[in-house]
């Protein structure tokens, strides 16, 4: 079962064109009419929060399992990690080395696993849905 939340309206023909081929062949798709939260990916039971240079940090109402930092966001990660406890923080290759170093130290302080794709390559996460 796949839950879809998006910014398109449910009666928008674009949405039907995107979903119909998958619904018929692969998934039982449930449309969720709650407003979409940008920069959040629901992958089964795993919630991934993507923080970039444009996202406003606020109370998301959930605790992300993985946080991805991209495009060098100006974020105080210590402050965020006091509010949420992800299993992993991932820095992609678009971030400055100095930011990545600071985020690595923050994660170490809070006991959270950190992965830098620039230094360590792709982050591979396996889970059973």
N, C-alpha and C. Protein backbone atom coordinates (compact mmCIF):
# COMPACT_ATOMS: atom_id res chain seq x y z
N UNK A 1 0.85 -1.18 0.00
CA UNK A 1 0.00 0.00 0.00
C UNK A 1 0.89 1.23 0.00
N UNK A 2 0.58 2.18 -0.85
CA UNK A 2 1.35 3.39 -0.98
C UNK A 2 0.45 4.58 -0.69
N UNK A 3 0.87 5.45 0.22
CA UNK A 3 0.11 6.65 0.53
C UNK A 3 0.73 7.82 -0.22
N UNK A 4 -0.11 8.59 -0.90
CA UNK A 4 0.36 9.71 -1.70
C UNK A 4 -0.16 11.01 -1.10
N UNK A 5 0.75 11.93 -0.86
CA UNK A 5 0.40 13.28 -0.43
C UNK A 5 1.12 14.22 -1.37
N UNK A 6 0.42 15.11 -2.01
CA UNK A 6 1.08 16.01 -2.95
C UNK A 6 0.37 17.35 -2.99
N UNK A 7 0.99 18.29 -3.70
CA UNK A 7 0.41 19.63 -3.78
C UNK A 7 -0.65 19.75 -4.86
N UNK A 8 -0.78 18.75 -5.73
CA UNK A 8 -1.84 18.77 -6.75
C UNK A 8 -3.18 18.47 -6.09
N UNK A 9 -4.23 19.05 -6.62
CA UNK A 9 -5.58 18.76 -6.13
C UNK A 9 -5.97 17.37 -6.63
N UNK A 10 -6.79 16.66 -5.86
CA UNK A 10 -7.13 15.28 -6.18
C UNK A 10 -7.92 15.15 -7.48
N UNK A 11 -8.62 16.21 -7.89
CA UNK A 11 -9.37 16.13 -9.14
C UNK A 11 -8.55 16.65 -10.34
N UNK A 12 -7.28 16.96 -10.12
CA UNK A 12 -6.41 17.44 -11.19
C UNK A 12 -6.08 16.28 -12.14
N UNK A 13 -6.33 16.43 -13.45
CA UNK A 13 -6.06 15.35 -14.40
C UNK A 13 -4.59 14.93 -14.44
N UNK A 14 -3.68 15.85 -14.11
CA UNK A 14 -2.25 15.50 -14.09
C UNK A 14 -1.98 14.40 -13.07
N UNK A 15 -2.62 14.51 -11.92
CA UNK A 15 -2.43 13.52 -10.87
C UNK A 15 -2.93 12.16 -11.31
N UNK A 16 -4.08 12.13 -11.95
CA UNK A 16 -4.63 10.86 -12.44
C UNK A 16 -3.69 10.22 -13.44
N UNK A 17 -3.11 11.01 -14.35
CA UNK A 17 -2.18 10.46 -15.34
C UNK A 17 -0.94 9.88 -14.69
N UNK A 18 -0.50 10.47 -13.59
CA UNK A 18 0.70 9.99 -12.90
C UNK A 18 0.41 8.70 -12.16
N UNK A 19 -0.73 8.63 -11.48
CA UNK A 19 -1.00 7.52 -10.56
C UNK A 19 -1.62 6.30 -11.22
N UNK A 20 -2.50 6.49 -12.17
CA UNK A 20 -3.26 5.35 -12.72
C UNK A 20 -2.41 4.17 -13.18
N UNK A 21 -1.33 4.37 -13.93
CA UNK A 21 -0.56 3.21 -14.38
C UNK A 21 0.00 2.37 -13.22
N UNK A 22 0.38 3.04 -12.14
CA UNK A 22 0.94 2.32 -11.00
C UNK A 22 -0.14 1.64 -10.17
N UNK A 23 -1.27 2.32 -10.03
CA UNK A 23 -2.35 1.77 -9.22
C UNK A 23 -2.86 0.47 -9.82
N UNK A 24 -2.99 0.44 -11.13
CA UNK A 24 -3.51 -0.76 -11.78
C UNK A 24 -2.54 -1.94 -11.72
N UNK A 25 -1.25 -1.67 -11.81
CA UNK A 25 -0.30 -2.76 -11.95
C UNK A 25 0.48 -3.10 -10.68
N UNK A 26 0.82 -2.12 -9.86
CA UNK A 26 1.78 -2.38 -8.80
C UNK A 26 1.26 -2.15 -7.38
N UNK A 27 0.57 -1.08 -7.15
CA UNK A 27 0.25 -0.66 -5.79
C UNK A 27 -1.24 -0.44 -5.59
N UNK A 28 -1.63 -0.62 -4.35
CA UNK A 28 -2.94 -0.13 -3.95
C UNK A 28 -2.66 1.26 -3.38
N UNK A 29 -3.09 2.29 -4.08
CA UNK A 29 -2.74 3.66 -3.70
C UNK A 29 -3.88 4.31 -2.94
N UNK A 30 -3.52 4.89 -1.80
CA UNK A 30 -4.49 5.63 -0.98
C UNK A 30 -4.14 7.10 -1.10
N UNK A 31 -5.10 7.90 -1.47
CA UNK A 31 -4.89 9.34 -1.54
C UNK A 31 -5.16 9.95 -0.17
N UNK A 32 -4.23 10.75 0.28
CA UNK A 32 -4.32 11.39 1.59
C UNK A 32 -4.61 12.86 1.36
N UNK A 33 -5.76 13.35 1.86
CA UNK A 33 -6.14 14.73 1.58
C UNK A 33 -5.59 15.74 2.59
N UNK A 34 -4.72 15.28 3.50
CA UNK A 34 -4.07 16.26 4.38
C UNK A 34 -3.10 17.09 3.55
N UNK A 35 -2.82 18.31 3.94
CA UNK A 35 -1.90 19.13 3.16
C UNK A 35 -0.52 18.49 3.11
N UNK A 36 0.12 18.58 1.96
CA UNK A 36 1.46 18.02 1.80
C UNK A 36 2.47 18.86 2.57
N UNK A 37 3.41 18.19 3.20
CA UNK A 37 4.51 18.89 3.85
C UNK A 37 5.67 18.81 2.87
N UNK A 38 6.09 19.95 2.39
CA UNK A 38 7.19 19.94 1.44
C UNK A 38 8.44 19.43 2.12
N UNK A 39 9.29 18.81 1.36
CA UNK A 39 10.57 18.29 1.83
C UNK A 39 10.44 17.11 2.78
N UNK A 40 9.35 16.39 2.73
CA UNK A 40 9.19 15.19 3.54
C UNK A 40 8.87 14.03 2.61
N UNK A 41 9.58 12.93 2.82
CA UNK A 41 9.33 11.72 2.05
C UNK A 41 8.90 10.63 3.02
N UNK A 42 7.75 10.03 2.75
CA UNK A 42 7.28 8.88 3.52
C UNK A 42 7.65 7.63 2.74
N UNK A 43 8.51 6.81 3.28
CA UNK A 43 8.92 5.56 2.64
C UNK A 43 8.53 4.43 3.58
N UNK A 44 7.31 3.96 3.46
CA UNK A 44 6.83 2.95 4.40
C UNK A 44 6.71 3.58 5.77
N UNK A 45 7.40 3.00 6.73
CA UNK A 45 7.38 3.54 8.11
C UNK A 45 8.48 4.55 8.35
N UNK A 46 9.30 4.80 7.35
CA UNK A 46 10.43 5.71 7.48
C UNK A 46 10.04 7.10 6.98
N UNK A 47 10.32 8.12 7.77
CA UNK A 47 10.08 9.51 7.36
C UNK A 47 11.42 10.21 7.18
N UNK A 48 11.58 10.79 5.99
CA UNK A 48 12.82 11.48 5.65
C UNK A 48 12.52 12.96 5.50
N UNK A 49 13.25 13.79 6.22
CA UNK A 49 13.10 15.24 6.15
C UNK A 49 14.29 15.80 5.40
N UNK A 50 14.04 16.53 4.33
CA UNK A 50 15.10 17.15 3.54
C UNK A 50 15.15 18.62 3.90
N UNK A 51 16.30 19.04 4.40
CA UNK A 51 16.49 20.45 4.78
C UNK A 51 17.45 21.06 3.78
N UNK A 52 16.97 22.08 3.07
CA UNK A 52 17.82 22.79 2.13
C UNK A 52 17.88 24.26 2.50
N UNK A 53 18.41 25.06 1.62
CA UNK A 53 18.59 26.47 1.95
C UNK A 53 17.29 27.27 1.94
N UNK A 54 16.17 26.63 1.57
CA UNK A 54 14.91 27.36 1.49
C UNK A 54 13.89 26.96 2.55
N UNK A 55 14.10 25.86 3.23
CA UNK A 55 13.09 25.38 4.18
C UNK A 55 13.12 26.18 5.48
N UNK A 56 11.96 26.43 6.00
CA UNK A 56 11.84 27.10 7.30
C UNK A 56 11.68 26.01 8.36
N UNK A 57 12.50 26.04 9.37
CA UNK A 57 12.41 25.04 10.42
C UNK A 57 11.31 25.46 11.38
N UNK A 58 10.37 24.56 11.58
CA UNK A 58 9.26 24.82 12.48
C UNK A 58 8.88 23.50 13.12
N UNK A 59 7.83 23.48 13.87
CA UNK A 59 7.38 22.23 14.48
C UNK A 59 6.68 21.40 13.42
N UNK A 60 7.27 20.26 13.05
CA UNK A 60 6.73 19.44 11.99
C UNK A 60 5.62 18.52 12.47
N UNK A 61 5.51 18.32 13.77
CA UNK A 61 4.49 17.43 14.30
C UNK A 61 4.88 15.97 14.19
N UNK A 62 6.13 15.68 13.88
CA UNK A 62 6.62 14.31 13.80
C UNK A 62 8.13 14.32 14.03
N UNK A 63 8.65 13.15 14.27
CA UNK A 63 10.08 12.99 14.46
C UNK A 63 10.65 12.27 13.24
N UNK A 64 11.43 12.93 12.38
CA UNK A 64 11.95 12.26 11.19
C UNK A 64 12.94 11.17 11.57
N UNK A 65 12.96 10.09 10.79
CA UNK A 65 13.92 9.01 11.01
C UNK A 65 15.28 9.36 10.40
N UNK A 66 15.23 10.10 9.29
CA UNK A 66 16.45 10.51 8.60
C UNK A 66 16.31 11.98 8.23
N UNK A 67 17.38 12.75 8.44
CA UNK A 67 17.43 14.14 8.00
C UNK A 67 18.51 14.24 6.94
N UNK A 68 18.16 14.82 5.79
CA UNK A 68 19.12 15.04 4.72
C UNK A 68 19.36 16.54 4.63
N UNK A 69 20.62 16.95 4.69
CA UNK A 69 21.00 18.35 4.59
C UNK A 69 21.61 18.58 3.21
N UNK A 70 21.04 19.54 2.45
CA UNK A 70 21.56 19.80 1.11
C UNK A 70 21.55 21.28 0.79
N UNK A 71 22.39 21.68 -0.14
CA UNK A 71 22.50 23.07 -0.59
C UNK A 71 22.91 24.02 0.52
N UNK A 72 23.75 23.55 1.44
CA UNK A 72 24.34 24.36 2.50
C UNK A 72 23.32 25.19 3.29
N UNK A 73 22.35 24.54 3.93
CA UNK A 73 21.38 25.32 4.72
C UNK A 73 22.06 25.97 5.92
N UNK A 74 21.66 27.17 6.20
CA UNK A 74 22.18 27.87 7.37
C UNK A 74 21.33 27.46 8.56
N UNK A 75 21.73 26.38 9.20
CA UNK A 75 20.93 25.79 10.26
C UNK A 75 21.81 25.51 11.47
N UNK A 76 21.25 25.77 12.64
CA UNK A 76 21.92 25.38 13.88
C UNK A 76 21.45 23.96 14.19
N UNK A 77 22.25 22.98 13.79
CA UNK A 77 21.85 21.59 13.93
C UNK A 77 21.71 21.19 15.40
N UNK A 78 22.53 21.75 16.28
CA UNK A 78 22.40 21.46 17.71
C UNK A 78 20.99 21.77 18.20
N UNK A 79 20.50 22.93 17.81
CA UNK A 79 19.16 23.35 18.24
C UNK A 79 18.08 22.41 17.70
N UNK A 80 18.23 22.00 16.42
CA UNK A 80 17.26 21.08 15.83
C UNK A 80 17.31 19.71 16.51
N UNK A 81 18.52 19.22 16.79
CA UNK A 81 18.66 17.89 17.38
C UNK A 81 18.19 17.84 18.84
N UNK A 82 18.03 18.98 19.46
CA UNK A 82 17.42 19.01 20.80
C UNK A 82 15.92 18.75 20.72
N UNK A 83 15.31 19.06 19.55
CA UNK A 83 13.86 18.89 19.37
C UNK A 83 13.50 17.58 18.70
N UNK A 84 14.31 17.11 17.77
CA UNK A 84 14.01 15.86 17.05
C UNK A 84 15.20 14.91 17.19
N UNK A 85 14.94 13.64 17.16
CA UNK A 85 15.98 12.62 17.30
C UNK A 85 15.96 11.65 16.12
N UNK A 86 16.57 12.03 15.00
CA UNK A 86 16.60 11.10 13.87
C UNK A 86 17.61 9.98 14.13
N UNK A 87 17.48 8.91 13.37
CA UNK A 87 18.47 7.84 13.44
C UNK A 87 19.74 8.24 12.70
N UNK A 88 19.57 8.98 11.61
CA UNK A 88 20.69 9.40 10.77
C UNK A 88 20.54 10.85 10.36
N UNK A 89 21.69 11.52 10.19
CA UNK A 89 21.76 12.81 9.52
C UNK A 89 22.70 12.60 8.34
N UNK A 90 22.25 13.00 7.15
CA UNK A 90 23.03 12.80 5.94
C UNK A 90 23.31 14.16 5.32
N UNK A 91 24.57 14.39 5.00
CA UNK A 91 24.98 15.60 4.29
C UNK A 91 25.31 15.21 2.86
N UNK A 92 24.66 15.87 1.89
CA UNK A 92 24.98 15.52 0.51
C UNK A 92 26.18 16.33 0.03
N UNK A 93 26.64 16.04 -1.17
CA UNK A 93 27.86 16.64 -1.68
C UNK A 93 27.78 18.12 -2.01
N UNK A 94 26.61 18.74 -1.89
CA UNK A 94 26.47 20.15 -2.23
C UNK A 94 26.85 21.08 -1.06
N UNK A 95 27.14 20.51 0.09
CA UNK A 95 27.41 21.32 1.28
C UNK A 95 28.89 21.69 1.40
N UNK A 96 29.15 22.82 2.05
CA UNK A 96 30.52 23.25 2.31
C UNK A 96 31.17 22.31 3.31
N UNK A 97 32.48 22.11 3.15
CA UNK A 97 33.22 21.23 4.06
C UNK A 97 33.11 21.70 5.50
N UNK A 98 33.20 23.02 5.72
CA UNK A 98 33.14 23.55 7.09
C UNK A 98 31.78 23.27 7.74
N UNK A 99 30.69 23.35 6.95
CA UNK A 99 29.36 23.04 7.49
C UNK A 99 29.31 21.55 7.87
N UNK A 100 29.80 20.72 6.95
CA UNK A 100 29.75 19.28 7.18
C UNK A 100 30.52 18.89 8.44
N UNK A 101 31.66 19.51 8.62
CA UNK A 101 32.47 19.23 9.81
C UNK A 101 31.72 19.63 11.09
N UNK A 102 31.08 20.78 11.07
CA UNK A 102 30.30 21.25 12.22
C UNK A 102 29.12 20.32 12.49
N UNK A 103 28.42 19.88 11.43
CA UNK A 103 27.28 18.98 11.60
C UNK A 103 27.73 17.63 12.13
N UNK A 104 28.89 17.14 11.67
CA UNK A 104 29.42 15.87 12.17
C UNK A 104 29.64 15.95 13.68
N UNK A 105 30.21 17.06 14.13
CA UNK A 105 30.45 17.25 15.57
C UNK A 105 29.14 17.31 16.35
N UNK A 106 28.13 17.97 15.78
CA UNK A 106 26.83 18.05 16.45
C UNK A 106 26.22 16.66 16.60
N UNK A 107 26.29 15.87 15.55
CA UNK A 107 25.72 14.52 15.60
C UNK A 107 26.46 13.66 16.62
N UNK A 108 27.77 13.80 16.65
CA UNK A 108 28.57 13.04 17.62
C UNK A 108 28.16 13.40 19.05
N UNK A 109 27.94 14.68 19.28
CA UNK A 109 27.54 15.16 20.61
C UNK A 109 26.20 14.55 21.05
N UNK A 110 25.28 14.36 20.09
CA UNK A 110 23.95 13.84 20.41
C UNK A 110 23.83 12.33 20.18
N UNK A 111 24.91 11.69 19.77
CA UNK A 111 24.88 10.24 19.56
C UNK A 111 24.07 9.81 18.35
N UNK A 112 24.07 10.64 17.31
CA UNK A 112 23.30 10.36 16.10
C UNK A 112 24.28 10.02 14.98
N UNK A 113 23.96 9.00 14.20
CA UNK A 113 24.82 8.58 13.10
C UNK A 113 24.83 9.64 12.01
N UNK A 114 26.03 9.91 11.47
CA UNK A 114 26.21 10.95 10.46
C UNK A 114 26.87 10.35 9.23
N UNK A 115 26.40 10.75 8.05
CA UNK A 115 26.98 10.26 6.80
C UNK A 115 27.16 11.44 5.86
N UNK A 116 28.37 11.62 5.35
CA UNK A 116 28.68 12.67 4.39
C UNK A 116 28.91 12.02 3.03
N UNK A 117 28.02 12.27 2.08
CA UNK A 117 28.14 11.60 0.78
C UNK A 117 29.35 12.09 -0.01
N UNK A 118 29.83 13.30 0.28
CA UNK A 118 31.03 13.79 -0.41
C UNK A 118 32.24 12.96 -0.02
N UNK A 119 32.35 12.64 1.26
CA UNK A 119 33.51 11.88 1.75
C UNK A 119 33.30 10.37 1.69
N UNK A 120 32.07 9.91 1.93
CA UNK A 120 31.82 8.47 2.07
C UNK A 120 31.02 7.86 0.93
N UNK A 121 30.64 8.63 -0.06
CA UNK A 121 29.85 8.09 -1.16
C UNK A 121 28.38 7.97 -0.81
N UNK A 122 27.66 7.22 -1.62
CA UNK A 122 26.21 7.09 -1.48
C UNK A 122 25.82 6.51 -0.13
N UNK A 123 24.70 6.98 0.38
CA UNK A 123 24.13 6.44 1.61
C UNK A 123 23.12 5.37 1.20
N UNK A 124 23.32 4.16 1.67
CA UNK A 124 22.43 3.06 1.34
C UNK A 124 21.73 2.63 2.63
N UNK A 125 20.42 2.66 2.60
CA UNK A 125 19.61 2.30 3.77
C UNK A 125 18.64 1.20 3.35
N UNK A 126 18.72 0.08 4.00
CA UNK A 126 17.84 -1.03 3.68
C UNK A 126 16.82 -1.20 4.80
N UNK A 127 15.58 -1.32 4.43
CA UNK A 127 14.53 -1.54 5.42
C UNK A 127 13.50 -2.48 4.85
N UNK A 128 12.77 -3.11 5.72
CA UNK A 128 11.68 -3.99 5.30
C UNK A 128 10.38 -3.26 5.53
N UNK A 129 9.62 -3.00 4.45
CA UNK A 129 8.35 -2.24 4.62
C UNK A 129 7.31 -3.00 5.43
